[in-house]
Amino acid sequence: MRKNETVCTINAMSFFKSKLHNGIYGHMTGYFDVAIEALEKQVPKAPVSTGREIVCPTCRTLVGSSPYCRYCGQALDTVIYSEV
């Protein structure tokens, strides 16, 4: 799934979650939260430079050359990573 498709899916799920909140399926909002959190990790974020180290923008642990954080699974923007 491409970045713009992922963002559209997140927006759609957030919309449906808001509609379920007060209905008979209100207990299902937790499932939407988990799905939205997983989808948000698929949207690449730029690693953060803290002096001499490059860390994950989500969990602040050191990142290697992988396109994903090995601890939290956050997708990392490798184009920006190579420039940092």
Protein backbone atom coordinates (compact mmCIF):
# COMPACT_ATOMS: atom_id res chain seq x y z
CA MET A 1 0.00 0.00 0.00
CA ARG A 2 1.39 3.38 -0.96
CA LYS A 3 1.67 6.29 1.45
CA ASN A 4 -1.36 8.20 0.10
CA GLU A 5 -3.48 5.02 0.13
CA THR A 6 -2.47 4.34 3.72
CA VAL A 7 -3.36 7.88 4.81
CA CYS A 8 -6.76 7.62 3.07
CA THR A 9 -7.40 4.29 4.82
CA ILE A 10 -6.49 5.81 8.19
CA ASN A 11 -8.88 8.70 7.57
CA ALA A 12 -11.69 6.34 6.55
CA MET A 13 -11.17 4.12 9.59
CA SER A 14 -11.16 7.15 11.87
CA PHE A 15 -14.44 8.29 10.32
CA PHE A 16 -16.11 4.89 10.76
CA LYS A 17 -14.78 4.64 14.31
CA SER A 18 -16.41 7.98 15.18
CA LYS A 19 -19.74 6.69 13.80
CA LEU A 20 -19.53 3.48 15.86
CA HIS A 21 -18.68 5.22 19.11
CA ASN A 22 -22.28 5.87 20.17
CA GLY A 23 -23.95 2.94 18.41
CA ILE A 24 -24.50 -0.66 19.41
CA TYR A 25 -21.04 -1.50 18.09
CA GLY A 26 -19.29 0.97 20.38
CA HIS A 27 -17.28 -1.86 21.94
CA MET A 28 -15.47 -2.27 18.60
CA THR A 29 -13.72 1.12 18.73
CA GLY A 30 -10.70 -0.52 20.38
CA TYR A 31 -10.24 -2.70 17.31
CA PHE A 32 -10.20 0.39 15.13
CA ASP A 33 -7.57 1.97 17.40
CA VAL A 34 -5.27 -1.03 16.97
CA ALA A 35 -5.76 -1.06 13.19
CA ILE A 36 -5.17 2.68 12.89
CA GLU A 37 -2.00 2.46 15.00
CA ALA A 38 -0.66 -0.35 12.77
CA LEU A 39 -1.47 1.61 9.61
CA GLU A 40 0.20 4.76 10.97
CA LYS A 41 3.43 2.80 11.41
CA GLN A 42 3.35 1.99 7.68
CA VAL A 43 3.60 5.67 6.77
CA PRO A 44 7.35 6.40 6.54
CA LYS A 45 8.68 9.01 8.95
CA ALA A 46 12.05 10.71 8.85
CA PRO A 47 14.59 9.47 11.40
CA VAL A 48 15.64 12.03 14.00
CA SER A 49 19.25 13.09 14.34
CA THR A 50 20.35 13.69 17.93
CA GLY A 51 23.91 14.85 17.61
CA ARG A 52 25.90 11.82 16.50
CA GLU A 53 23.05 9.30 16.61
CA ILE A 54 20.07 8.67 14.37
CA VAL A 55 16.96 7.47 16.20
CA CYS A 56 13.44 6.33 15.38
CA PRO A 57 10.92 9.20 15.50
CA THR A 58 8.37 7.00 17.30
CA CYS A 59 10.28 5.11 20.01
CA ARG A 60 13.60 7.06 20.04
CA THR A 61 15.79 3.95 19.77
CA LEU A 62 18.85 3.78 17.52
CA VAL A 63 18.14 2.79 13.93
CA GLY A 64 20.34 0.88 11.54
CA SER A 65 20.17 0.62 7.78
CA SER A 66 16.79 -1.14 7.73
CA PRO A 67 13.76 0.68 6.28
CA TYR A 68 11.90 -0.22 9.52
CA CYS A 69 12.65 0.32 13.21
CA ARG A 70 13.60 -3.04 14.68
CA TYR A 71 11.91 -2.26 17.99
CA CYS A 72 8.54 -0.68 17.16
CA GLY A 73 8.17 -1.43 13.43
CA GLN A 74 7.85 2.20 12.32
CA ALA A 75 8.57 2.62 8.60
CA LEU A 76 11.51 4.97 8.09
CA ASP A 77 11.93 7.33 5.17
CA THR A 78 15.12 5.91 3.65
CA VAL A 79 15.55 8.86 1.24
CA ILE A 80 15.85 11.28 4.13
CA TYR A 81 17.81 8.69 6.13
CA SER A 82 20.56 8.59 3.51
CA GLU A 83 20.85 12.39 3.59
CA VAL A 84 21.09 12.71 7.40
